[in-house]
């Protein structure tokens, strides 16, 4: 007769395996994270070449699409937590890639915009970025990529309002 283990780690592991949940590999958050990692793995070398982190690039991309943004709005747009954004903005400002001004309507708030140097850096990164997009499109298929983006948008819209607030979902 086999002796039952009294090791609490074995008991916990066995209990965890009996939890009625879908397999970890089929978890939607994990599938999305794996796909995100596969995509970002393509872009990181180019960003590193230009001295940028993923989060810095995200901020520059967001700012390039608008004239200026208030810091909390920018955090929401770029899915970054406030403390992380403050550090990133300090770094970008030190490199003269962004401009920061006090909001006219509220002196406690600051407005952030991309600087001329930031636009120049984006122009330098853009060809590599577009080449990576072209490679992803070629490998995955233009139609499938468009469908995926549409489906992800639909998923996001269908889940809007569920769960925790935006900041809890932000990434550092």
C-alpha atoms as a PDB file:
ATOM      1  CA  UNK A   1       0.000   0.000   0.000  1.00  0.00           C
ATOM      2  CA  UNK A   2       1.392   3.420  -1.005  1.00  0.00           C
ATOM      3  CA  UNK A   3       2.094   5.835   1.775  1.00  0.00           C
ATOM      4  CA  UNK A   4       0.224   9.145   1.593  1.00  0.00           C
ATOM      5  CA  UNK A   5       2.509  12.154   1.403  1.00  0.00           C
ATOM      6  CA  UNK A   6       2.367  14.589   4.285  1.00  0.00           C
ATOM      7  CA  UNK A   7       4.266  17.233   2.338  1.00  0.00           C
ATOM      8  CA  UNK A   8       1.912  20.273   2.254  1.00  0.00           C
ATOM      9  CA  UNK A   9       3.266  21.413  -1.122  1.00  0.00           C
ATOM     10  CA  UNK A  10       2.215  18.133  -2.722  1.00  0.00           C
ATOM     11  CA  UNK A  11      -1.255  18.400  -1.166  1.00  0.00           C
ATOM     12  CA  UNK A  12      -1.642  21.979  -2.440  1.00  0.00           C
ATOM     13  CA  UNK A  13      -0.511  20.994  -5.922  1.00  0.00           C
ATOM     14  CA  UNK A  14      -2.950  18.082  -6.029  1.00  0.00           C
ATOM     15  CA  UNK A  15      -5.784  20.314  -4.809  1.00  0.00           C
ATOM     16  CA  UNK A  16      -4.940  22.943  -7.409  1.00  0.00           C
ATOM     17  CA  UNK A  17      -5.188  20.366 -10.177  1.00  0.00           C
ATOM     18  CA  UNK A  18      -8.694  19.494  -9.036  1.00  0.00           C
ATOM     19  CA  UNK A  19     -10.047  23.039  -9.317  1.00  0.00           C
ATOM     20  CA  UNK A  20     -12.764  23.028 -11.983  1.00  0.00           C
ATOM     21  CA  UNK A  21     -11.208  25.545 -14.340  1.00  0.00           C
ATOM     22  CA  UNK A  22     -10.180  25.504 -17.962  1.00  0.00           C
ATOM     23  CA  UNK A  23      -6.626  24.453 -18.669  1.00  0.00           C
ATOM     24  CA  UNK A  24      -4.118  27.241 -17.963  1.00  0.00           C
ATOM     25  CA  UNK A  25      -2.892  27.187 -21.566  1.00  0.00           C
ATOM     26  CA  UNK A  26      -6.479  27.854 -22.747  1.00  0.00           C
ATOM     27  CA  UNK A  27      -6.965  30.831 -20.437  1.00  0.00           C
ATOM     28  CA  UNK A  28      -7.943  33.901 -22.491  1.00  0.00           C
ATOM     29  CA  UNK A  29      -5.643  36.280 -20.576  1.00  0.00           C
ATOM     30  CA  UNK A  30      -2.711  33.893 -21.081  1.00  0.00           C
ATOM     31  CA  UNK A  31      -3.486  33.459 -24.787  1.00  0.00           C
ATOM     32  CA  UNK A  32      -3.568  37.236 -25.209  1.00  0.00           C
ATOM     33  CA  UNK A  33      -0.320  37.651 -23.259  1.00  0.00           C
ATOM     34  CA  UNK A  34       1.421  34.972 -25.342  1.00  0.00           C
ATOM     35  CA  UNK A  35       0.250  36.626 -28.563  1.00  0.00           C
ATOM     36  CA  UNK A  36       1.324  40.059 -27.304  1.00  0.00           C
ATOM     37  CA  UNK A  37       4.735  38.693 -26.386  1.00  0.00           C
ATOM     38  CA  UNK A  38       5.127  37.076 -29.821  1.00  0.00           C
ATOM     39  CA  UNK A  39       4.314  40.402 -31.480  1.00  0.00           C
ATOM     40  CA  UNK A  40       6.470  42.547 -29.191  1.00  0.00           C
ATOM     41  CA  UNK A  41       9.416  40.183 -29.633  1.00  0.00           C
ATOM     42  CA  UNK A  42       9.467  41.381 -33.255  1.00  0.00           C
ATOM     43  CA  UNK A  43       9.540  45.082 -32.324  1.00  0.00           C
ATOM     44  CA  UNK A  44      11.892  45.129 -29.308  1.00  0.00           C
ATOM     45  CA  UNK A  45      15.215  44.962 -31.219  1.00  0.00           C
ATOM     46  CA  UNK A  46      14.275  47.997 -33.317  1.00  0.00           C
ATOM     47  CA  UNK A  47      13.113  49.937 -30.276  1.00  0.00           C
ATOM     48  CA  UNK A  48      16.306  49.023 -28.399  1.00  0.00           C
ATOM     49  CA  UNK A  49      18.351  50.182 -31.403  1.00  0.00           C
ATOM     50  CA  UNK A  50      16.768  53.613 -30.989  1.00  0.00           C
ATOM     51  CA  UNK A  51      17.127  53.648 -27.189  1.00  0.00           C
ATOM     52  CA  UNK A  52      13.423  53.226 -26.511  1.00  0.00           C
ATOM     53  CA  UNK A  53      11.433  50.990 -24.209  1.00  0.00           C
ATOM     54  CA  UNK A  54       8.054  49.595 -25.242  1.00  0.00           C
ATOM     55  CA  UNK A  55       6.315  51.990 -22.874  1.00  0.00           C
ATOM     56  CA  UNK A  56       8.226  55.030 -24.172  1.00  0.00           C
ATOM     57  CA  UNK A  57       7.314  54.082 -27.734  1.00  0.00           C
ATOM     58  CA  UNK A  58       3.676  53.670 -26.711  1.00  0.00           C
ATOM     59  CA  UNK A  59       3.679  57.190 -25.263  1.00  0.00           C
ATOM     60  CA  UNK A  60       5.290  58.687 -28.368  1.00  0.00           C
ATOM     61  CA  UNK A  61       2.825  56.845 -30.640  1.00  0.00           C
ATOM     62  CA  UNK A  62      -0.117  58.082 -28.576  1.00  0.00           C
ATOM     63  CA  UNK A  63       1.167  61.668 -28.584  1.00  0.00           C
ATOM     64  CA  UNK A  64       1.875  61.600 -32.315  1.00  0.00           C
ATOM     65  CA  UNK A  65      -1.807  60.906 -32.950  1.00  0.00           C
ATOM     66  CA  UNK A  66      -3.019  63.957 -31.000  1.00  0.00           C
ATOM     67  CA  UNK A  67      -1.929  67.542 -30.474  1.00  0.00           C
ATOM     68  CA  UNK A  68      -1.546  67.262 -26.678  1.00  0.00           C
ATOM     69  CA  UNK A  69      -2.905  65.235 -23.795  1.00  0.00           C
ATOM     70  CA  UNK A  70      -3.433  65.742 -20.106  1.00  0.00           C
ATOM     71  CA  UNK A  71      -1.296  63.282 -18.113  1.00  0.00           C
ATOM     72  CA  UNK A  72      -4.187  61.206 -16.700  1.00  0.00           C
ATOM     73  CA  UNK A  73      -5.738  60.961 -20.168  1.00  0.00           C
ATOM     74  CA  UNK A  74      -2.383  59.866 -21.580  1.00  0.00           C
ATOM     75  CA  UNK A  75      -2.050  57.181 -18.874  1.00  0.00           C
ATOM     76  CA  UNK A  76      -5.481  55.831 -19.815  1.00  0.00           C
ATOM     77  CA  UNK A  77      -4.741  55.950 -23.547  1.00  0.00           C
ATOM     78  CA  UNK A  78      -1.383  54.181 -23.219  1.00  0.00           C
ATOM     79  CA  UNK A  79      -2.536  51.728 -20.514  1.00  0.00           C
ATOM     80  CA  UNK A  80       0.117  52.810 -18.025  1.00  0.00           C
ATOM     81  CA  UNK A  81      -0.123  53.362 -14.301  1.00  0.00           C
ATOM     82  CA  UNK A  82       0.377  56.940 -13.113  1.00  0.00           C
ATOM     83  CA  UNK A  83       3.685  56.370 -11.259  1.00  0.00           C
ATOM     84  CA  UNK A  84       5.161  54.527 -14.256  1.00  0.00           C
ATOM     85  CA  UNK A  85       3.984  57.249 -16.615  1.00  0.00           C
ATOM     86  CA  UNK A  86       5.580  59.955 -14.453  1.00  0.00           C
ATOM     87  CA  UNK A  87       8.959  58.209 -14.655  1.00  0.00           C
ATOM     88  CA  UNK A  88       8.630  57.613 -18.410  1.00  0.00           C
ATOM     89  CA  UNK A  89       7.643  61.235 -19.040  1.00  0.00           C
ATOM     90  CA  UNK A  90      10.657  62.428 -17.017  1.00  0.00           C
ATOM     91  CA  UNK A  91      12.940  60.257 -19.165  1.00  0.00           C
ATOM     92  CA  UNK A  92      11.333  61.404 -22.431  1.00  0.00           C
ATOM     93  CA  UNK A  93      11.481  65.033 -21.336  1.00  0.00           C
ATOM     94  CA  UNK A  94      15.181  64.696 -20.427  1.00  0.00           C
ATOM     95  CA  UNK A  95      15.789  63.450 -23.985  1.00  0.00           C
ATOM     96  CA  UNK A  96      13.750  66.372 -25.408  1.00  0.00           C
ATOM     97  CA  UNK A  97      11.289  63.948 -27.011  1.00  0.00           C
ATOM     98  CA  UNK A  98       8.229  65.527 -25.385  1.00  0.00           C
ATOM     99  CA  UNK A  99       7.131  68.967 -24.250  1.00  0.00           C
ATOM    100  CA  UNK A 100       5.270  69.530 -21.010  1.00  0.00           C
ATOM    101  CA  UNK A 101       3.244  72.650 -20.230  1.00  0.00           C
ATOM    102  CA  UNK A 102       0.882  73.636 -17.455  1.00  0.00           C
ATOM    103  CA  UNK A 103      -2.753  73.429 -18.533  1.00  0.00           C
ATOM    104  CA  UNK A 104      -4.305  76.844 -19.103  1.00  0.00           C
ATOM    105  CA  UNK A 105      -7.565  75.860 -17.425  1.00  0.00           C
ATOM    106  CA  UNK A 106      -6.017  74.240 -14.331  1.00  0.00           C
ATOM    107  CA  UNK A 107      -2.505  75.108 -13.128  1.00  0.00           C
ATOM    108  CA  UNK A 108      -2.299  71.774 -11.243  1.00  0.00           C
ATOM    109  CA  UNK A 109      -2.502  69.776 -14.458  1.00  0.00           C
ATOM    110  CA  UNK A 110       0.082  69.435 -17.164  1.00  0.00           C
ATOM    111  CA  UNK A 111      -0.335  68.917 -20.868  1.00  0.00           C
ATOM    112  CA  UNK A 112       2.100  66.721 -22.769  1.00  0.00           C
ATOM    113  CA  UNK A 113       2.870  66.815 -26.486  1.00  0.00           C
ATOM    114  CA  UNK A 114       5.471  65.262 -28.733  1.00  0.00           C
ATOM    115  CA  UNK A 115       8.408  67.552 -29.528  1.00  0.00           C
ATOM    116  CA  UNK A 116      10.129  68.086 -32.868  1.00  0.00           C
ATOM    117  CA  UNK A 117      12.897  65.763 -31.650  1.00  0.00           C
ATOM    118  CA  UNK A 118      10.254  63.160 -30.760  1.00  0.00           C
ATOM    119  CA  UNK A 119       8.781  63.400 -34.252  1.00  0.00           C
ATOM    120  CA  UNK A 120      12.272  62.992 -35.756  1.00  0.00           C
ATOM    121  CA  UNK A 121      12.875  59.888 -33.647  1.00  0.00           C
ATOM    122  CA  UNK A 122       9.529  58.439 -34.696  1.00  0.00           C
ATOM    123  CA  UNK A 123      10.406  59.100 -38.320  1.00  0.00           C
ATOM    124  CA  UNK A 124      13.656  57.178 -37.781  1.00  0.00           C
ATOM    125  CA  UNK A 125      11.857  54.211 -36.159  1.00  0.00           C
ATOM    126  CA  UNK A 126       8.886  54.171 -38.571  1.00  0.00           C
ATOM    127  CA  UNK A 127      10.542  52.355 -41.528  1.00  0.00           C
ATOM    128  CA  UNK A 128      11.646  49.481 -39.311  1.00  0.00           C
ATOM    129  CA  UNK A 129       8.276  49.380 -37.575  1.00  0.00           C
ATOM    130  CA  UNK A 130       6.409  49.303 -40.886  1.00  0.00           C
ATOM    131  CA  UNK A 131       8.729  46.559 -42.182  1.00  0.00           C
ATOM    132  CA  UNK A 132       7.913  44.483 -39.098  1.00  0.00           C
ATOM    133  CA  UNK A 133       4.194  45.065 -39.645  1.00  0.00           C
ATOM    134  CA  UNK A 134       4.628  43.976 -43.271  1.00  0.00           C
ATOM    135  CA  UNK A 135       6.396  40.783 -42.158  1.00  0.00           C
ATOM    136  CA  UNK A 136       3.694  40.006 -39.594  1.00  0.00           C
ATOM    137  CA  UNK A 137       1.025  40.657 -42.236  1.00  0.00           C
ATOM    138  CA  UNK A 138       2.816  38.443 -44.749  1.00  0.00           C
ATOM    139  CA  UNK A 139       3.185  35.579 -42.241  1.00  0.00           C
ATOM    140  CA  UNK A 140      -0.268  35.789 -40.677  1.00  0.00           C
ATOM    141  CA  UNK A 141      -2.241  37.108 -43.652  1.00  0.00           C
ATOM    142  CA  UNK A 142      -3.742  40.530 -44.239  1.00  0.00           C
ATOM    143  CA  UNK A 143      -7.325  39.276 -44.015  1.00  0.00           C
ATOM    144  CA  UNK A 144      -6.698  37.311 -40.817  1.00  0.00           C
ATOM    145  CA  UNK A 145      -4.862  40.253 -39.238  1.00  0.00           C
ATOM    146  CA  UNK A 146      -7.733  42.630 -40.059  1.00  0.00           C
ATOM    147  CA  UNK A 147     -10.238  40.097 -38.688  1.00  0.00           C
ATOM    148  CA  UNK A 148      -8.157  39.646 -35.543  1.00  0.00           C
ATOM    149  CA  UNK A 149      -8.006  43.390 -34.941  1.00  0.00           C
ATOM    150  CA  UNK A 150     -11.756  43.668 -35.516  1.00  0.00           C
ATOM    151  CA  UNK A 151     -12.459  40.753 -33.173  1.00  0.00           C
ATOM    152  CA  UNK A 152     -10.210  42.201 -30.466  1.00  0.00           C
ATOM    153  CA  UNK A 153     -12.047  45.519 -30.789  1.00  0.00           C
ATOM    154  CA  UNK A 154     -15.385  43.699 -30.495  1.00  0.00           C
ATOM    155  CA  UNK A 155     -14.151  41.816 -27.426  1.00  0.00           C
ATOM    156  CA  UNK A 156     -13.001  45.062 -25.824  1.00  0.00           C
ATOM    157  CA  UNK A 157     -16.334  46.784 -26.556  1.00  0.00           C
ATOM    158  CA  UNK A 158     -18.381  43.831 -25.315  1.00  0.00           C
ATOM    159  CA  UNK A 159     -16.486  43.796 -22.014  1.00  0.00           C
ATOM    160  CA  UNK A 160     -16.539  47.574 -21.488  1.00  0.00           C
ATOM    161  CA  UNK A 161     -17.916  48.372 -18.072  1.00  0.00           C
ATOM    162  CA  UNK A 162     -17.269  44.922 -16.628  1.00  0.00           C
ATOM    163  CA  UNK A 163     -14.756  44.330 -13.865  1.00  0.00           C
ATOM    164  CA  UNK A 164     -12.291  46.692 -12.245  1.00  0.00           C
ATOM    165  CA  UNK A 165     -11.509  50.251 -13.302  1.00  0.00           C
ATOM    166  CA  UNK A 166      -9.087  51.219 -16.073  1.00  0.00           C
ATOM    167  CA  UNK A 167      -6.137  51.778 -13.770  1.00  0.00           C
ATOM    168  CA  UNK A 168      -6.355  48.219 -12.422  1.00  0.00           C
ATOM    169  CA  UNK A 169      -6.007  47.010 -16.002  1.00  0.00           C
ATOM    170  CA  UNK A 170      -3.069  49.240 -16.857  1.00  0.00           C
ATOM    171  CA  UNK A 171       0.309  47.719 -17.496  1.00  0.00           C
ATOM    172  CA  UNK A 172       3.495  48.987 -15.974  1.00  0.00           C
END
